[in-house]
């Protein structure tokens, strides 16, 4: 827009100089009348109203959103969100409350529940993941003694490994422990838990399966209503998660999303965002964790959860929901659409007034005072029009 304004301003000056030369030969004007008409042209053709068509509307929209707990990091993001065709949600901490509870503790044969919890809490003690906190909190409440594991190493999107009491241990998804031979009964039990919407994690110690834990998170209040609102606005709503397929599908059904994509690593989420962009258009990604950062950066508009989001997600996102209220997303999209509509109206009005005043000047229908009034009046009109977004 700035480049267009510069080109427009130079064109106006060039046209004014041409106007001082051509009319005496074309219209038979006197030099005095020619200079006077050139002065009027410079006034009425200046792009003040055109420039003012955008910034007041953008600032008003950003201010309106901020009052409602939606922080836009720039005006371009307010415009971009109005063009979004797909809204992609992370699951844990975004659609769900991010405070899961440990519901099941199932040790494998030859191991005790206390041993299982001790190993799990030791491995998860330093992690900031919501599931890790659920395990540690449960162990603390049950009075299970544990210490932080040593030689900790994270496997992104899969789990963690470390040393507990001199033994190499791992905790995480089934895929992380794929080298272990799990009996069919254990796998069948895990499948039933996942079908109930629970997330299952497995614990290994010294090359043997110690057992598995199940945690469950619930949807945030108003999530289903927000998803239905997005659908009514012709938005495609999808859920991206690293959880098991059965767990993800159960949460997806409860939320009412159109598509569920499960068992995704961070790079898979990134690839899926790019695929959705190619298929449908601009995508808004909503997330809160470190694993969501690549997808947030790749989307047209990245939206982070303000109070529960990680520093990486907050830094990467273009929009922050200060109160973690999912219902604000339909509002933000609607505000973006309205901002684009107001800007188009303002630009059309400004160009129309300029055209009318320029033509009137050539026909000698206006004088300098009336040209100033028309020019300044149109500038004031588009500013007031932009301020409508404050409501």
Protein backbone atom coordinates (compact mmCIF):
# COMPACT_ATOMS: atom_id res chain seq x y z
CA UNK A 1 0.00 0.00 0.00
CA UNK A 2 2.86 2.40 0.82
CA UNK A 3 4.36 1.79 -2.62
CA UNK A 4 1.00 2.48 -4.26
CA UNK A 5 0.68 5.74 -2.30
CA UNK A 6 4.13 6.87 -3.44
CA UNK A 7 3.36 6.11 -7.08
CA UNK A 8 -0.02 7.83 -6.78
CA UNK A 9 1.50 11.00 -5.26
CA UNK A 10 4.13 11.25 -7.98
CA UNK A 11 1.44 10.74 -10.63
CA UNK A 12 -0.64 13.58 -9.17
CA UNK A 13 2.31 15.98 -9.30
CA UNK A 14 3.14 14.94 -12.87
CA UNK A 15 -0.51 15.36 -13.91
CA UNK A 16 -0.62 18.83 -12.32
CA UNK A 17 2.47 19.91 -14.29
CA UNK A 18 0.95 18.54 -17.49
CA UNK A 19 -2.27 20.35 -16.67
CA UNK A 20 -0.39 23.65 -16.61
CA UNK A 21 0.85 23.07 -20.15
CA UNK A 22 -1.88 21.23 -22.06
CA UNK A 23 -5.17 23.12 -21.33
CA UNK A 24 -4.19 26.41 -23.05
CA UNK A 25 -3.88 24.44 -26.26
CA UNK A 26 -6.73 21.95 -25.64
CA UNK A 27 -9.40 24.07 -23.93
CA UNK A 28 -8.32 27.62 -24.67
CA UNK A 29 -7.82 28.48 -20.98
CA UNK A 30 -5.86 31.51 -19.96
CA UNK A 31 -2.60 31.02 -18.06
CA UNK A 32 -4.23 32.43 -14.93
CA UNK A 33 -7.11 29.96 -15.15
CA UNK A 34 -4.69 27.12 -15.93
CA UNK A 35 -2.60 27.75 -12.82
CA UNK A 36 -5.76 28.05 -10.71
CA UNK A 37 -7.14 24.73 -12.02
CA UNK A 38 -3.76 23.07 -11.42
CA UNK A 39 -3.85 24.21 -7.79
CA UNK A 40 -7.36 22.80 -7.37
CA UNK A 41 -6.22 19.56 -8.99
CA UNK A 42 -3.33 19.20 -6.54
CA UNK A 43 -5.75 19.62 -3.65
CA UNK A 44 -8.59 17.36 -4.77
CA UNK A 45 -6.38 14.60 -6.22
CA UNK A 46 -4.11 14.24 -3.18
CA UNK A 47 -4.46 10.76 -1.59
CA UNK A 48 -5.26 11.86 1.98
CA UNK A 49 -8.64 10.11 2.03
CA UNK A 50 -7.16 7.06 0.32
CA UNK A 51 -4.40 6.79 2.92
CA UNK A 52 -6.88 7.28 5.77
CA UNK A 53 -9.09 4.49 4.44
CA UNK A 54 -6.99 1.77 6.05
CA UNK A 55 -5.20 2.76 9.25
CA UNK A 56 -8.16 4.02 11.34
CA UNK A 57 -10.11 0.85 10.51
CA UNK A 58 -7.17 -1.41 11.40
CA UNK A 59 -6.42 0.39 14.67
CA UNK A 60 -10.09 0.39 15.63
CA UNK A 61 -10.37 -3.34 14.94
CA UNK A 62 -7.23 -4.13 16.96
CA UNK A 63 -8.49 -1.99 19.84
CA UNK A 64 -11.91 -3.66 19.77
CA UNK A 65 -10.31 -7.12 19.80
CA UNK A 66 -7.95 -6.22 22.66
CA UNK A 67 -10.87 -5.13 24.83
CA UNK A 68 -12.34 -8.60 24.36
CA UNK A 69 -9.13 -10.47 25.16
CA UNK A 70 -7.85 -11.08 21.60
CA UNK A 71 -4.40 -9.60 20.99
CA UNK A 72 -3.37 -9.03 17.35
CA UNK A 73 0.35 -8.47 16.85
CA UNK A 74 -0.18 -6.40 13.72
CA UNK A 75 -2.80 -5.02 11.38
CA UNK A 76 -1.91 -7.47 8.61
CA UNK A 77 -3.01 -10.35 10.84
CA UNK A 78 -6.44 -8.74 11.34
CA UNK A 79 -6.84 -8.64 7.56
CA UNK A 80 -5.48 -12.17 7.11
CA UNK A 81 -7.84 -13.75 9.63
CA UNK A 82 -10.77 -12.41 7.64
CA UNK A 83 -9.65 -14.58 4.69
CA UNK A 84 -9.24 -17.82 6.65
CA UNK A 85 -11.02 -20.87 5.21
CA UNK A 86 -9.83 -23.56 7.66
CA UNK A 87 -9.36 -23.47 11.43
CA UNK A 88 -7.03 -26.19 12.75
CA UNK A 89 -6.96 -26.95 16.48
CA UNK A 90 -4.43 -28.75 18.60
CA UNK A 91 -6.10 -31.02 21.18
CA UNK A 92 -4.38 -31.02 24.55
CA UNK A 93 -4.48 -27.59 26.16
CA UNK A 94 -6.43 -26.07 23.29
CA UNK A 95 -9.70 -27.93 22.73
CA UNK A 96 -9.27 -29.60 26.10
CA UNK A 97 -8.55 -27.83 29.37
CA UNK A 98 -4.93 -28.92 29.47
CA UNK A 99 -5.30 -30.31 32.99
CA UNK A 100 -5.71 -34.07 32.51
CA UNK A 101 -6.16 -36.44 35.43
CA UNK A 102 -4.63 -39.88 35.80
CA UNK A 103 -7.53 -42.31 35.72
CA UNK A 104 -5.95 -45.77 35.30
CA UNK A 105 -2.71 -47.35 36.51
CA UNK A 106 -2.20 -50.83 35.09
CA UNK A 107 1.09 -52.60 35.92
CA UNK A 108 2.20 -55.52 33.80
CA UNK A 109 2.68 -58.99 35.27
CA UNK A 110 5.45 -59.11 37.88
CA UNK A 111 5.36 -55.38 38.63
CA UNK A 112 3.48 -53.39 41.27
CA UNK A 113 1.44 -50.23 40.93
CA UNK A 114 3.85 -48.38 43.23
CA UNK A 115 6.83 -49.38 41.11
CA UNK A 116 5.03 -48.22 37.97
CA UNK A 117 4.12 -44.84 39.48
CA UNK A 118 7.62 -44.33 40.90
CA UNK A 119 9.22 -44.87 37.50
CA UNK A 120 6.65 -42.74 35.68
CA UNK A 121 6.84 -39.82 38.14
CA UNK A 122 10.64 -39.90 38.15
CA UNK A 123 10.76 -39.70 34.36
CA UNK A 124 8.07 -37.01 34.09
CA UNK A 125 9.17 -34.86 37.03
CA UNK A 126 11.00 -32.20 34.99
CA UNK A 127 8.58 -32.17 32.06
CA UNK A 128 6.15 -29.28 31.51
CA UNK A 129 3.72 -31.36 29.44
CA UNK A 130 0.17 -31.51 30.91
CA UNK A 131 0.21 -35.33 30.91
CA UNK A 132 3.52 -35.34 32.80
CA UNK A 133 2.09 -32.99 35.41
CA UNK A 134 -0.94 -35.27 35.83
CA UNK A 135 1.33 -38.26 36.53
CA UNK A 136 3.54 -36.36 38.99
CA UNK A 137 0.57 -34.83 40.82
CA UNK A 138 -1.08 -38.24 41.19
CA UNK A 139 2.11 -39.77 42.58
CA UNK A 140 2.50 -36.92 45.06
CA UNK A 141 -1.11 -37.18 46.22
CA UNK A 142 -0.69 -40.96 46.68
CA UNK A 143 2.46 -40.47 48.72
CA UNK A 144 4.64 -42.39 46.26
CA UNK A 145 8.37 -41.70 46.85
CA UNK A 146 10.35 -40.73 43.74
CA UNK A 147 13.29 -38.66 42.57
CA UNK A 148 14.01 -36.96 39.29
CA UNK A 149 15.58 -39.31 36.75
CA UNK A 150 19.08 -38.61 35.47
CA UNK A 151 20.37 -38.49 31.89
CA UNK A 152 16.99 -37.23 30.72
CA UNK A 153 16.45 -37.09 26.98
CA UNK A 154 13.27 -36.00 25.19
CA UNK A 155 12.00 -37.69 22.06
CA UNK A 156 9.86 -34.96 20.42
CA UNK A 157 6.24 -36.00 20.10
CA UNK A 158 6.93 -39.46 21.52
CA UNK A 159 8.07 -39.34 25.15
CA UNK A 160 11.21 -39.21 27.31
CA UNK A 161 13.98 -41.53 28.46
CA UNK A 162 16.24 -41.45 31.48
CA UNK A 163 17.96 -43.42 34.21
CA UNK A 164 16.08 -44.38 37.39
CA UNK A 165 17.90 -46.34 40.12
CA UNK A 166 20.61 -47.28 37.64
CA UNK A 167 18.16 -48.66 35.07
CA UNK A 168 17.48 -47.24 31.62
CA UNK A 169 13.79 -46.34 31.47
CA UNK A 170 11.43 -44.84 28.94
CA UNK A 171 7.89 -43.47 29.07
CA UNK A 172 5.69 -42.40 26.20
CA UNK A 173 3.64 -43.61 23.28
CA UNK A 174 3.35 -47.19 22.17
CA UNK A 175 5.48 -46.37 19.13
CA UNK A 176 8.36 -45.30 21.39
CA UNK A 177 8.39 -48.77 22.92
CA UNK A 178 7.80 -50.63 19.67
CA UNK A 179 10.80 -52.88 20.30
CA UNK A 180 9.05 -54.44 23.31
CA UNK A 181 6.82 -57.47 22.97
CA UNK A 182 3.48 -56.38 24.43
CA UNK A 183 0.92 -59.10 25.05
CA UNK A 184 -2.43 -58.93 23.32
CA UNK A 185 -4.34 -58.44 26.57
CA UNK A 186 -2.37 -55.27 27.37
CA UNK A 187 -2.88 -53.90 23.87
CA UNK A 188 -6.60 -54.71 23.98
CA UNK A 189 -6.97 -52.90 27.29
CA UNK A 190 -5.11 -49.90 25.87
CA UNK A 191 -7.47 -49.85 22.89
CA UNK A 192 -10.54 -49.78 25.15
CA UNK A 193 -9.09 -46.90 27.18
CA UNK A 194 -8.33 -44.92 24.03
CA UNK A 195 -11.86 -45.53 22.70
CA UNK A 196 -13.11 -43.87 25.89
CA UNK A 197 -11.14 -40.73 25.02
CA UNK A 198 -8.21 -41.43 27.32
CA UNK A 199 -4.55 -41.01 26.48
CA UNK A 200 -2.45 -44.10 27.20
CA UNK A 201 1.27 -43.96 27.95
CA UNK A 202 3.57 -46.93 28.48
CA UNK A 203 6.51 -47.32 30.87
CA UNK A 204 9.60 -49.42 30.20
CA UNK A 205 12.32 -50.31 32.68
CA UNK A 206 15.46 -52.24 31.79
CA UNK A 207 14.05 -53.47 28.50
CA UNK A 208 10.77 -54.81 29.93
CA UNK A 209 7.30 -53.32 30.01
CA UNK A 210 6.48 -52.11 33.52
CA UNK A 211 2.91 -51.13 32.73
CA UNK A 212 0.74 -48.39 31.34
CA UNK A 213 -1.06 -45.31 32.59
CA UNK A 214 -4.17 -43.62 31.25
CA UNK A 215 -4.99 -39.94 31.64
CA UNK A 216 -8.10 -38.11 30.55
CA UNK A 217 -8.71 -34.50 29.72
CA UNK A 218 -12.09 -32.87 29.19
CA UNK A 219 -13.20 -30.34 26.62
CA UNK A 220 -13.08 -26.69 27.54
CA UNK A 221 -16.48 -25.14 28.27
CA UNK A 222 -18.09 -23.79 25.12
CA UNK A 223 -15.83 -25.63 22.65
CA UNK A 224 -18.65 -27.41 20.84
CA UNK A 225 -20.62 -24.17 20.55
CA UNK A 226 -17.57 -22.37 19.16
CA UNK A 227 -16.99 -25.15 16.60
CA UNK A 228 -20.63 -24.99 15.49
CA UNK A 229 -20.32 -21.21 15.15
CA UNK A 230 -17.24 -21.61 12.96
CA UNK A 231 -19.07 -24.11 10.77
CA UNK A 232 -21.98 -21.69 10.38
CA UNK A 233 -19.41 -19.17 9.09
CA UNK A 234 -18.41 -21.69 6.36
CA UNK A 235 -15.16 -22.60 8.11
CA UNK A 236 -13.71 -26.08 7.87
CA UNK A 237 -12.69 -27.21 11.37
CA UNK A 238 -10.00 -29.86 11.85
CA UNK A 239 -8.13 -31.24 14.85
CA UNK A 240 -4.42 -32.07 14.80
CA UNK A 241 -2.93 -34.09 17.64
CA UNK A 242 -0.13 -36.44 18.50
CA UNK A 243 -2.49 -38.65 20.51
CA UNK A 244 -3.58 -42.12 19.46
CA UNK A 245 -6.25 -42.35 16.78
CA UNK A 246 -9.01 -43.77 19.01
CA UNK A 247 -8.45 -41.10 21.68
CA UNK A 248 -8.39 -38.32 19.11
CA UNK A 249 -11.56 -39.53 17.40
CA UNK A 250 -13.43 -39.64 20.71
CA UNK A 251 -12.46 -36.03 21.49
CA UNK A 252 -13.17 -34.99 17.91
CA UNK A 253 -16.69 -36.40 18.06
CA UNK A 254 -17.36 -34.58 21.32
CA UNK A 255 -16.07 -31.30 19.87
CA UNK A 256 -17.92 -31.72 16.57
CA UNK A 257 -14.94 -31.07 14.27
CA UNK A 258 -15.02 -31.99 10.58
CA UNK A 259 -11.75 -33.94 10.47
CA UNK A 260 -9.42 -35.58 12.98
CA UNK A 261 -5.73 -36.15 12.24
CA UNK A 262 -3.99 -38.20 14.95
CA UNK A 263 -0.57 -39.61 15.80
CA UNK A 264 1.15 -36.55 14.32
CA UNK A 265 4.72 -35.49 14.98
CA UNK A 266 5.55 -31.74 14.84
CA UNK A 267 6.80 -32.04 11.26
CA UNK A 268 3.62 -33.93 10.31
CA UNK A 269 1.51 -31.05 11.65
CA UNK A 270 3.59 -28.65 9.58
CA UNK A 271 3.11 -30.71 6.43
CA UNK A 272 -0.63 -31.00 7.06
CA UNK A 273 -1.00 -27.23 7.47
CA UNK A 274 0.68 -26.75 4.10
CA UNK A 275 -1.54 -29.40 2.55
CA UNK A 276 -4.71 -27.77 3.92
CA UNK A 277 -3.52 -24.41 2.59
CA UNK A 278 -3.08 -25.83 -0.91
CA UNK A 279 -6.46 -27.55 -0.85
CA UNK A 280 -8.71 -24.97 0.81
CA UNK A 281 -6.92 -21.62 1.18
CA UNK A 282 -5.63 -19.76 4.20
CA UNK A 283 -5.47 -21.71 7.46
CA UNK A 284 -5.58 -20.50 11.06
CA UNK A 285 -3.73 -22.80 13.48
CA UNK A 286 -4.67 -22.74 17.16
CA UNK A 287 -2.19 -24.27 19.61
CA UNK A 288 -0.39 -23.90 22.91
CA UNK A 289 2.67 -26.15 22.97
CA UNK A 290 6.22 -26.35 21.69
CA UNK A 291 5.13 -29.09 19.27
CA UNK A 292 2.64 -26.64 17.71
CA UNK A 293 5.21 -23.92 16.96
CA UNK A 294 6.16 -25.09 13.41
CA UNK A 295 2.48 -25.35 12.43
CA UNK A 296 1.74 -21.93 13.98
CA UNK A 297 4.56 -20.39 11.95
CA UNK A 298 3.47 -22.04 8.68
CA UNK A 299 -0.20 -21.05 8.92
CA UNK A 300 -1.61 -17.79 7.57
CA UNK A 301 -2.62 -16.88 11.12
CA UNK A 302 -1.15 -18.58 14.18
CA UNK A 303 -3.31 -18.32 17.31
CA UNK A 304 -1.84 -19.14 20.72
CA UNK A 305 -3.49 -19.73 24.07
CA UNK A 306 -2.41 -16.82 26.26
CA UNK A 307 -2.52 -18.12 29.83
CA UNK A 308 -1.71 -21.77 29.19
CA UNK A 309 0.56 -21.52 26.15
CA UNK A 310 4.31 -22.04 26.16
CA UNK A 311 6.71 -19.17 25.52
CA UNK A 312 7.62 -20.61 22.12
CA UNK A 313 3.97 -20.76 21.03
CA UNK A 314 3.28 -17.23 22.26
CA UNK A 315 6.33 -15.87 20.45
CA UNK A 316 5.52 -17.68 17.19
CA UNK A 317 1.79 -16.87 17.03
CA UNK A 318 0.28 -13.84 15.31
CA UNK A 319 -2.75 -13.69 17.60
CA UNK A 320 -3.00 -14.45 21.32
CA UNK A 321 -6.19 -15.41 23.17
CA UNK A 322 -5.46 -13.79 26.52
CA UNK A 323 -8.14 -15.74 28.41
CA UNK A 324 -7.81 -19.03 26.47
CA UNK A 325 -11.43 -18.58 25.36
CA UNK A 326 -12.03 -20.57 22.17
CA UNK A 327 -15.32 -18.72 21.59
CA UNK A 328 -13.28 -15.61 20.73
CA UNK A 329 -12.04 -17.21 17.50
CA UNK A 330 -15.36 -16.82 15.61
CA UNK A 331 -15.44 -13.22 16.88
CA UNK A 332 -11.90 -12.58 15.61
CA UNK A 333 -12.71 -14.01 12.16
CA UNK A 334 -15.91 -11.98 11.98
CA UNK A 335 -14.00 -8.84 13.01
CA UNK A 336 -11.38 -9.51 10.35
CA UNK A 337 -14.05 -9.90 7.68
CA UNK A 338 -15.75 -6.71 8.81
CA UNK A 339 -12.43 -4.83 8.79
CA UNK A 340 -11.77 -5.90 5.20
CA UNK A 341 -15.30 -4.87 4.21
CA UNK A 342 -14.96 -1.42 5.83
CA UNK A 343 -11.55 -0.89 4.19
CA UNK A 344 -12.96 -1.75 0.75
CA UNK A 345 -15.88 0.62 1.32
CA UNK A 346 -13.52 3.41 2.40
CA UNK A 347 -11.18 2.95 -0.57
CA UNK A 348 -14.09 2.88 -3.02
CA UNK A 349 -15.58 6.02 -1.48
CA UNK A 350 -12.24 7.86 -1.45
CA UNK A 351 -11.51 7.03 -5.10
CA UNK A 352 -15.05 7.99 -6.13
CA UNK A 353 -14.82 11.40 -4.44
CA UNK A 354 -11.40 12.05 -5.99
CA UNK A 355 -12.74 11.13 -9.44
CA UNK A 356 -15.81 13.37 -9.06
CA UNK A 357 -13.76 16.34 -7.85
CA UNK A 358 -11.13 15.94 -10.59
CA UNK A 359 -13.77 15.76 -13.35
CA UNK A 360 -15.64 18.72 -11.84
CA UNK A 361 -12.42 20.70 -11.82
CA UNK A 362 -11.82 20.05 -15.52
CA UNK A 363 -15.34 21.22 -16.29
CA UNK A 364 -14.87 24.31 -14.14
CA UNK A 365 -17.67 23.36 -11.78
CA UNK A 366 -15.77 23.89 -8.52
CA UNK A 367 -13.50 26.54 -7.04
CA UNK A 368 -10.59 26.12 -4.62
CA UNK A 369 -12.64 26.47 -1.37
CA UNK A 370 -15.21 23.91 -2.49
CA UNK A 371 -12.37 21.57 -3.58
CA UNK A 372 -10.78 21.87 -0.13
CA UNK A 373 -14.11 21.16 1.55
CA UNK A 374 -14.74 18.12 -0.64
CA UNK A 375 -11.22 16.78 -0.12
CA UNK A 376 -11.09 17.28 3.64
CA UNK A 377 -14.69 16.14 4.01
CA UNK A 378 -13.96 12.83 2.29
CA UNK A 379 -10.90 12.32 4.53
CA UNK A 380 -12.97 12.93 7.64
CA UNK A 381 -15.71 10.62 6.33
CA UNK A 382 -13.39 7.61 5.83
CA UNK A 383 -11.82 8.16 9.27
CA UNK A 384 -15.24 8.14 10.91
CA UNK A 385 -16.17 5.10 8.85
CA UNK A 386 -13.09 3.24 10.12
CA UNK A 387 -14.00 4.09 13.70
CA UNK A 388 -17.15 1.97 13.28
CA UNK A 389 -15.00 -1.04 14.14
CA UNK A 390 -14.70 0.24 17.70
CA UNK A 391 -18.29 -0.84 18.30
